[in-house]
Amino acid sequence: MRLILTTHARERMSERNITEDDVNKVLAGYVERVEGGASVRYKGVGATRNVMLKVWIVAKSDIPGKVKVVKSVAWEGE
């Protein structure tokens, strides 16, 4: 799966020690998916920590086989 990371997403990833592997793992094997207006939030365990990671993507990019645009990311509880 191809990702486009917005500047905001890259900044949050840097601040929170989140890797692209973390994001890819959540999007490939999420436990929760919530649609909300212009965003879709995925939640699942990251690759580098055994903690739930939330990943927000642009809703219009949430099509199987298409490039996903990541808006923001955050570890649950942080």
PDB file of N, CA and C in Angstrom:
ATOM      1  N   MET A   1       0.842  -1.171   0.000  1.00  0.00           N
ATOM      2  CA  MET A   1       0.000   0.000   0.000  1.00  0.00           C
ATOM      3  C   MET A   1       0.893   1.242   0.000  1.00  0.00           C
ATOM      4  N   ARG A   2       0.554   2.196  -0.853  1.00  0.00           N
ATOM      5  CA  ARG A   2       1.314   3.444  -0.909  1.00  0.00           C
ATOM      6  C   ARG A   2       0.678   4.469  -0.003  1.00  0.00           C
ATOM      7  N   LEU A   3       1.528   5.246   0.685  1.00  0.00           N
ATOM      8  CA  LEU A   3       1.058   6.293   1.579  1.00  0.00           C
ATOM      9  C   LEU A   3       1.611   7.640   1.159  1.00  0.00           C
ATOM     10  N   ILE A   4       0.808   8.656   1.352  1.00  0.00           N
ATOM     11  CA  ILE A   4       1.290  10.034   1.299  1.00  0.00           C
ATOM     12  C   ILE A   4       1.115  10.566   2.706  1.00  0.00           C
ATOM     13  N   LEU A   5       2.191  11.043   3.292  1.00  0.00           N
ATOM     14  CA  LEU A   5       2.154  11.592   4.646  1.00  0.00           C
ATOM     15  C   LEU A   5       2.130  13.114   4.560  1.00  0.00           C
ATOM     16  N   THR A   6       1.098  13.720   5.120  1.00  0.00           N
ATOM     17  CA  THR A   6       1.040  15.184   5.133  1.00  0.00           C
ATOM     18  C   THR A   6       2.142  15.713   6.051  1.00  0.00           C
ATOM     19  N   THR A   7       2.429  16.984   5.929  1.00  0.00           N
ATOM     20  CA  THR A   7       3.419  17.621   6.810  1.00  0.00           C
ATOM     21  C   THR A   7       3.017  17.436   8.268  1.00  0.00           C
ATOM     22  N   HIS A   8       1.735  17.629   8.550  1.00  0.00           N
ATOM     23  CA  HIS A   8       1.247  17.463   9.924  1.00  0.00           C
ATOM     24  C   HIS A   8       1.510  16.038  10.418  1.00  0.00           C
ATOM     25  N   ALA A   9       1.205  15.044   9.583  1.00  0.00           N
ATOM     26  CA  ALA A   9       1.426  13.650   9.974  1.00  0.00           C
ATOM     27  C   ALA A   9       2.911  13.384  10.237  1.00  0.00           C
ATOM     28  N   ARG A  10       3.775  13.885   9.364  1.00  0.00           N
ATOM     29  CA  ARG A  10       5.229  13.693   9.559  1.00  0.00           C
ATOM     30  C   ARG A  10       5.703  14.342  10.861  1.00  0.00           C
ATOM     31  N   GLU A  11       5.183  15.526  11.163  1.00  0.00           N
ATOM     32  CA  GLU A  11       5.560  16.207  12.408  1.00  0.00           C
ATOM     33  C   GLU A  11       5.120  15.399  13.620  1.00  0.00           C
ATOM     34  N   ARG A  12       3.873  14.891  13.611  1.00  0.00           N
ATOM     35  CA  ARG A  12       3.380  14.086  14.732  1.00  0.00           C
ATOM     36  C   ARG A  12       4.178  12.788  14.853  1.00  0.00           C
ATOM     37  N   MET A  13       4.519  12.171  13.729  1.00  0.00           N
ATOM     38  CA  MET A  13       5.309  10.938  13.763  1.00  0.00           C
ATOM     39  C   MET A  13       6.666  11.192  14.407  1.00  0.00           C
ATOM     40  N   SER A  14       7.294  12.293  14.046  1.00  0.00           N
ATOM     41  CA  SER A  14       8.591  12.634  14.612  1.00  0.00           C
ATOM     42  C   SER A  14       8.488  12.891  16.119  1.00  0.00           C
ATOM     43  N   GLU A  15       7.499  13.660  16.523  1.00  0.00           N
ATOM     44  CA  GLU A  15       7.295  13.991  17.946  1.00  0.00           C
ATOM     45  C   GLU A  15       7.005  12.751  18.786  1.00  0.00           C
ATOM     46  N   ARG A  16       6.291  11.794  18.196  1.00  0.00           N
ATOM     47  CA  ARG A  16       5.772  10.658  18.954  1.00  0.00           C
ATOM     48  C   ARG A  16       6.499   9.348  18.673  1.00  0.00           C
ATOM     49  N   ASN A  17       7.619   9.429  17.961  1.00  0.00           N
ATOM     50  CA  ASN A  17       8.409   8.227  17.642  1.00  0.00           C
ATOM     51  C   ASN A  17       7.561   7.144  16.977  1.00  0.00           C
ATOM     52  N   ILE A  18       6.843   7.544  15.947  1.00  0.00           N
ATOM     53  CA  ILE A  18       6.012   6.635  15.169  1.00  0.00           C
ATOM     54  C   ILE A  18       6.671   6.463  13.803  1.00  0.00           C
ATOM     55  N   THR A  19       6.792   5.221  13.359  1.00  0.00           N
ATOM     56  CA  THR A  19       7.445   4.943  12.085  1.00  0.00           C
ATOM     57  C   THR A  19       6.409   4.657  10.990  1.00  0.00           C
ATOM     58  N   GLU A  20       6.873   4.671   9.746  1.00  0.00           N
ATOM     59  CA  GLU A  20       5.991   4.281   8.641  1.00  0.00           C
ATOM     60  C   GLU A  20       5.580   2.822   8.782  1.00  0.00           C
ATOM     61  N   ASP A  21       6.461   1.984   9.327  1.00  0.00           N
ATOM     62  CA  ASP A  21       6.102   0.584   9.580  1.00  0.00           C
ATOM     63  C   ASP A  21       4.927   0.495  10.550  1.00  0.00           C
ATOM     64  N   ASP A  22       4.924   1.358  11.583  1.00  0.00           N
ATOM     65  CA  ASP A  22       3.801   1.395  12.521  1.00  0.00           C
ATOM     66  C   ASP A  22       2.504   1.707  11.779  1.00  0.00           C
ATOM     67  N   VAL A  23       2.541   2.746  10.949  1.00  0.00           N
ATOM     68  CA  VAL A  23       1.354   3.182  10.213  1.00  0.00           C
ATOM     69  C   VAL A  23       0.880   2.078   9.266  1.00  0.00           C
ATOM     70  N   ASN A  24       1.803   1.488   8.526  1.00  0.00           N
ATOM     71  CA  ASN A  24       1.441   0.415   7.591  1.00  0.00           C
ATOM     72  C   ASN A  24       0.822  -0.782   8.304  1.00  0.00           C
ATOM     73  N   LYS A  25       1.377  -1.144   9.467  1.00  0.00           N
ATOM     74  CA  LYS A  25       0.840  -2.289  10.209  1.00  0.00           C
ATOM     75  C   LYS A  25      -0.592  -2.023  10.653  1.00  0.00           C
ATOM     76  N   VAL A  26      -0.863  -0.816  11.131  1.00  0.00           N
ATOM     77  CA  VAL A  26      -2.226  -0.489  11.569  1.00  0.00           C
ATOM     78  C   VAL A  26      -3.190  -0.533  10.389  1.00  0.00           C
ATOM     79  N   LEU A  27      -2.810   0.060   9.277  1.00  0.00           N
ATOM     80  CA  LEU A  27      -3.704   0.090   8.122  1.00  0.00           C
ATOM     81  C   LEU A  27      -3.938  -1.296   7.533  1.00  0.00           C
ATOM     82  N   ALA A  28      -2.960  -2.183   7.671  1.00  0.00           N
ATOM     83  CA  ALA A  28      -3.094  -3.539   7.134  1.00  0.00           C
ATOM     84  C   ALA A  28      -3.851  -4.477   8.077  1.00  0.00           C
ATOM     85  N   GLY A  29      -3.812  -4.181   9.389  1.00  0.00           N
ATOM     86  CA  GLY A  29      -4.421  -5.094  10.358  1.00  0.00           C
ATOM     87  C   GLY A  29      -5.097  -4.375  11.500  1.00  0.00           C
ATOM     88  N   TYR A  30      -5.966  -3.464  11.180  1.00  0.00           N
ATOM     89  CA  TYR A  30      -6.626  -2.653  12.213  1.00  0.00           C
ATOM     90  C   TYR A  30      -7.678  -3.462  12.975  1.00  0.00           C
ATOM     91  N   VAL A  31      -7.990  -2.982  14.201  1.00  0.00           N
ATOM     92  CA  VAL A  31      -9.050  -3.586  15.009  1.00  0.00           C
ATOM     93  C   VAL A  31     -10.294  -2.699  15.038  1.00  0.00           C
ATOM     94  N   GLU A  32     -10.129  -1.449  14.609  1.00  0.00           N
ATOM     95  CA  GLU A  32     -11.266  -0.521  14.601  1.00  0.00           C
ATOM     96  C   GLU A  32     -11.111   0.456  13.447  1.00  0.00           C
ATOM     97  N   ARG A  33     -12.228   0.747  12.777  1.00  0.00           N
ATOM     98  CA  ARG A  33     -12.267   1.719  11.685  1.00  0.00           C
ATOM     99  C   ARG A  33     -13.504   2.567  11.886  1.00  0.00           C
ATOM    100  N   VAL A  34     -13.306   3.894  12.004  1.00  0.00           N
ATOM    101  CA  VAL A  34     -14.414   4.813  12.269  1.00  0.00           C
ATOM    102  C   VAL A  34     -14.412   5.909  11.221  1.00  0.00           C
ATOM    103  N   GLU A  35     -15.542   6.048  10.515  1.00  0.00           N
ATOM    104  CA  GLU A  35     -15.692   7.119   9.535  1.00  0.00           C
ATOM    105  C   GLU A  35     -16.232   8.353  10.243  1.00  0.00           C
ATOM    106  N   GLY A  36     -15.686   9.518   9.870  1.00  0.00           N
ATOM    107  CA  GLY A  36     -16.138  10.754  10.495  1.00  0.00           C
ATOM    108  C   GLY A  36     -15.911  11.945   9.593  1.00  0.00           C
ATOM    109  N   GLY A  37     -16.853  12.222   8.733  1.00  0.00           N
ATOM    110  CA  GLY A  37     -16.747  13.387   7.856  1.00  0.00           C
ATOM    111  C   GLY A  37     -15.633  13.231   6.847  1.00  0.00           C
ATOM    112  N   ALA A  38     -14.653  14.135   6.918  1.00  0.00           N
ATOM    113  CA  ALA A  38     -13.556  14.158   5.947  1.00  0.00           C
ATOM    114  C   ALA A  38     -12.430  13.186   6.292  1.00  0.00           C
ATOM    115  N   SER A  39     -12.559  12.472   7.421  1.00  0.00           N
ATOM    116  CA  SER A  39     -11.501  11.562   7.861  1.00  0.00           C
ATOM    117  C   SER A  39     -12.046  10.176   8.148  1.00  0.00           C
ATOM    118  N   VAL A  40     -11.130   9.213   8.085  1.00  0.00           N
ATOM    119  CA  VAL A  40     -11.390   7.862   8.568  1.00  0.00           C
ATOM    120  C   VAL A  40     -10.279   7.557   9.558  1.00  0.00           C
ATOM    121  N   ARG A  41     -10.663   7.088  10.773  1.00  0.00           N
ATOM    122  CA  ARG A  41      -9.658   6.764  11.781  1.00  0.00           C
ATOM    123  C   ARG A  41      -9.527   5.249  11.902  1.00  0.00           C
ATOM    124  N   TYR A  42      -8.293   4.798  11.803  1.00  0.00           N
ATOM    125  CA  TYR A  42      -7.978   3.385  12.007  1.00  0.00           C
ATOM    126  C   TYR A  42      -7.264   3.254  13.342  1.00  0.00           C
ATOM    127  N   LYS A  43      -7.478   2.127  14.017  1.00  0.00           N
ATOM    128  CA  LYS A  43      -6.780   1.877  15.275  1.00  0.00           C
ATOM    129  C   LYS A  43      -6.302   0.437  15.290  1.00  0.00           C
ATOM    130  N   GLY A  44      -5.051   0.252  15.671  1.00  0.00           N
ATOM    131  CA  GLY A  44      -4.470  -1.078  15.781  1.00  0.00           C
ATOM    132  C   GLY A  44      -3.115  -0.991  16.457  1.00  0.00           C
ATOM    133  N   VAL A  45      -2.503  -2.136  16.699  1.00  0.00           N
ATOM    134  CA  VAL A  45      -1.201  -2.187  17.366  1.00  0.00           C
ATOM    135  C   VAL A  45      -0.113  -1.828  16.364  1.00  0.00           C
ATOM    136  N   GLY A  46       0.791  -0.942  16.781  1.00  0.00           N
ATOM    137  CA  GLY A  46       1.908  -0.543  15.935  1.00  0.00           C
ATOM    138  C   GLY A  46       2.961  -1.635  15.822  1.00  0.00           C
ATOM    139  N   ALA A  47       3.922  -1.430  14.939  1.00  0.00           N
ATOM    140  CA  ALA A  47       4.986  -2.410  14.708  1.00  0.00           C
ATOM    141  C   ALA A  47       6.107  -2.305  15.738  1.00  0.00           C
ATOM    142  N   THR A  48       6.341  -1.107  16.276  1.00  0.00           N
ATOM    143  CA  THR A  48       7.495  -0.901  17.152  1.00  0.00           C
ATOM    144  C   THR A  48       7.150  -0.895  18.641  1.00  0.00           C
ATOM    145  N   ARG A  49       5.862  -0.761  18.961  1.00  0.00           N
ATOM    146  CA  ARG A  49       5.426  -0.772  20.366  1.00  0.00           C
ATOM    147  C   ARG A  49       4.159  -1.603  20.457  1.00  0.00           C
ATOM    148  N   ASN A  50       3.978  -2.272  21.564  1.00  0.00           N
ATOM    149  CA  ASN A  50       2.759  -3.057  21.780  1.00  0.00           C
ATOM    150  C   ASN A  50       1.679  -2.155  22.381  1.00  0.00           C
ATOM    151  N   VAL A  51       1.387  -1.078  21.662  1.00  0.00           N
ATOM    152  CA  VAL A  51       0.418  -0.063  22.097  1.00  0.00           C
ATOM    153  C   VAL A  51      -0.475   0.251  20.910  1.00  0.00           C
ATOM    154  N   MET A  52      -1.740   0.564  21.193  1.00  0.00           N
ATOM    155  CA  MET A  52      -2.661   0.939  20.119  1.00  0.00           C
ATOM    156  C   MET A  52      -2.245   2.270  19.501  1.00  0.00           C
ATOM    157  N   LEU A  53      -2.263   2.295  18.175  1.00  0.00           N
ATOM    158  CA  LEU A  53      -1.923   3.493  17.412  1.00  0.00           C
ATOM    159  C   LEU A  53      -3.152   3.906  16.615  1.00  0.00           C
ATOM    160  N   LYS A  54      -3.457   5.200  16.648  1.00  0.00           N
ATOM    161  CA  LYS A  54      -4.572   5.747  15.869  1.00  0.00           C
ATOM    162  C   LYS A  54      -3.993   6.459  14.651  1.00  0.00           C
ATOM    163  N   VAL A  55      -4.571   6.168  13.488  1.00  0.00           N
ATOM    164  CA  VAL A  55      -4.115   6.747  12.221  1.00  0.00           C
ATOM    165  C   VAL A  55      -5.329   7.353  11.520  1.00  0.00           C
ATOM    166  N   TRP A  56      -5.259   8.654  11.214  1.00  0.00           N
ATOM    167  CA  TRP A  56      -6.331   9.339  10.499  1.00  0.00           C
ATOM    168  C   TRP A  56      -5.917   9.521   9.052  1.00  0.00           C
ATOM    169  N   ILE A  57      -6.802   9.146   8.143  1.00  0.00           N
ATOM    170  CA  ILE A  57      -6.524   9.354   6.728  1.00  0.00           C
ATOM    171  C   ILE A  57      -7.646  10.184   6.102  1.00  0.00           C
ATOM    172  N   VAL A  58      -7.353  10.795   4.969  1.00  0.00           N
ATOM    173  CA  VAL A  58      -8.345  11.548   4.217  1.00  0.00           C
ATOM    174  C   VAL A  58      -9.381  10.539   3.703  1.00  0.00           C
ATOM    175  N   ALA A  59     -10.654  10.786   3.997  1.00  0.00           N
ATOM    176  CA  ALA A  59     -11.711   9.840   3.650  1.00  0.00           C
ATOM    177  C   ALA A  59     -11.738   9.510   2.158  1.00  0.00           C
ATOM    178  N   LYS A  60     -11.526  10.495   1.311  1.00  0.00           N
ATOM    179  CA  LYS A  60     -11.586  10.262  -0.134  1.00  0.00           C
ATOM    180  C   LYS A  60     -10.466   9.344  -0.619  1.00  0.00           C
ATOM    181  N   SER A  61      -9.431   9.152   0.209  1.00  0.00           N
ATOM    182  CA  SER A  61      -8.330   8.270  -0.189  1.00  0.00           C
ATOM    183  C   SER A  61      -8.490   6.866   0.386  1.00  0.00           C
ATOM    184  N   ASP A  62      -9.629   6.594   1.039  1.00  0.00           N
ATOM    185  CA  ASP A  62      -9.855   5.304   1.686  1.00  0.00           C
ATOM    186  C   ASP A  62     -10.504   4.319   0.711  1.00  0.00           C
ATOM    187  N   ILE A  63      -9.756   3.994  -0.335  1.00  0.00           N
ATOM    188  CA  ILE A  63     -10.225   3.086  -1.377  1.00  0.00           C
ATOM    189  C   ILE A  63      -9.184   1.971  -1.504  1.00  0.00           C
ATOM    190  N   PRO A  64      -9.617   0.707  -1.415  1.00  0.00           N
ATOM    191  CA  PRO A  64      -8.644  -0.393  -1.536  1.00  0.00           C
ATOM    192  C   PRO A  64      -7.805  -0.278  -2.810  1.00  0.00           C
ATOM    193  N   GLY A  65      -6.506  -0.470  -2.644  1.00  0.00           N
ATOM    194  CA  GLY A  65      -5.596  -0.431  -3.783  1.00  0.00           C
ATOM    195  C   GLY A  65      -5.143   0.953  -4.192  1.00  0.00           C
ATOM    196  N   LYS A  66      -5.664   1.983  -3.549  1.00  0.00           N
ATOM    197  CA  LYS A  66      -5.302   3.367  -3.881  1.00  0.00           C
ATOM    198  C   LYS A  66      -4.311   3.916  -2.853  1.00  0.00           C
ATOM    199  N   VAL A  67      -3.686   5.019  -3.204  1.00  0.00           N
ATOM    200  CA  VAL A  67      -2.785   5.705  -2.279  1.00  0.00           C
ATOM    201  C   VAL A  67      -3.608   6.283  -1.137  1.00  0.00           C
ATOM    202  N   LYS A  68      -3.165   6.070   0.092  1.00  0.00           N
ATOM    203  CA  LYS A  68      -3.852   6.622   1.259  1.00  0.00           C
ATOM    204  C   LYS A  68      -3.103   7.863   1.732  1.00  0.00           C
ATOM    205  N   VAL A  69      -3.843   8.927   2.005  1.00  0.00           N
ATOM    206  CA  VAL A  69      -3.270  10.177   2.496  1.00  0.00           C
ATOM    207  C   VAL A  69      -3.439  10.211   4.010  1.00  0.00           C
ATOM    208  N   VAL A  70      -2.326  10.127   4.742  1.00  0.00           N
ATOM    209  CA  VAL A  70      -2.337  10.113   6.201  1.00  0.00           C
ATOM    210  C   VAL A  70      -2.315  11.547   6.709  1.00  0.00           C
ATOM    211  N   LYS A  71      -3.323  11.890   7.526  1.00  0.00           N
ATOM    212  CA  LYS A  71      -3.466  13.238   8.079  1.00  0.00           C
ATOM    213  C   LYS A  71      -2.763  13.420   9.411  1.00  0.00           C
ATOM    214  N   SER A  72      -2.896  12.387  10.289  1.00  0.00           N
ATOM    215  CA  SER A  72      -2.327  12.494  11.626  1.00  0.00           C
ATOM    216  C   SER A  72      -2.195  11.100  12.242  1.00  0.00           C
ATOM    217  N   VAL A  73      -1.413  11.015  13.291  1.00  0.00           N
ATOM    218  CA  VAL A  73      -1.187   9.759  14.013  1.00  0.00           C
ATOM    219  C   VAL A  73      -0.973  10.056  15.492  1.00  0.00           C
ATOM    220  N   ALA A  74      -1.371   9.119  16.350  1.00  0.00           N
ATOM    221  CA  ALA A  74      -1.153   9.289  17.792  1.00  0.00           C
ATOM    222  C   ALA A  74      -1.243   7.942  18.481  1.00  0.00           C
ATOM    223  N   TRP A  75      -0.353   7.720  19.447  1.00  0.00           N
ATOM    224  CA  TRP A  75      -0.454   6.539  20.297  1.00  0.00           C
ATOM    225  C   TRP A  75      -1.637   6.738  21.219  1.00  0.00           C
ATOM    226  N   GLU A  76      -2.402   5.690  21.471  1.00  0.00           N
ATOM    227  CA  GLU A  76      -3.538   5.795  22.375  1.00  0.00           C
ATOM    228  C   GLU A  76      -3.031   6.107  23.780  1.00  0.00           C
ATOM    229  N   GLY A  77      -3.670   7.057  24.434  1.00  0.00           N
ATOM    230  CA  GLY A  77      -3.293   7.440  25.796  1.00  0.00           C
ATOM    231  C   GLY A  77      -2.238   8.515  25.879  1.00  0.00           C
ATOM    232  N   GLU A  78      -1.711   8.963  24.742  1.00  0.00           N
ATOM    233  CA  GLU A  78      -0.670  10.015  24.757  1.00  0.00           C
ATOM    234  C   GLU A  78      -1.194  11.266  24.112  1.00  0.00           C
TER     235      GLU A  78
END
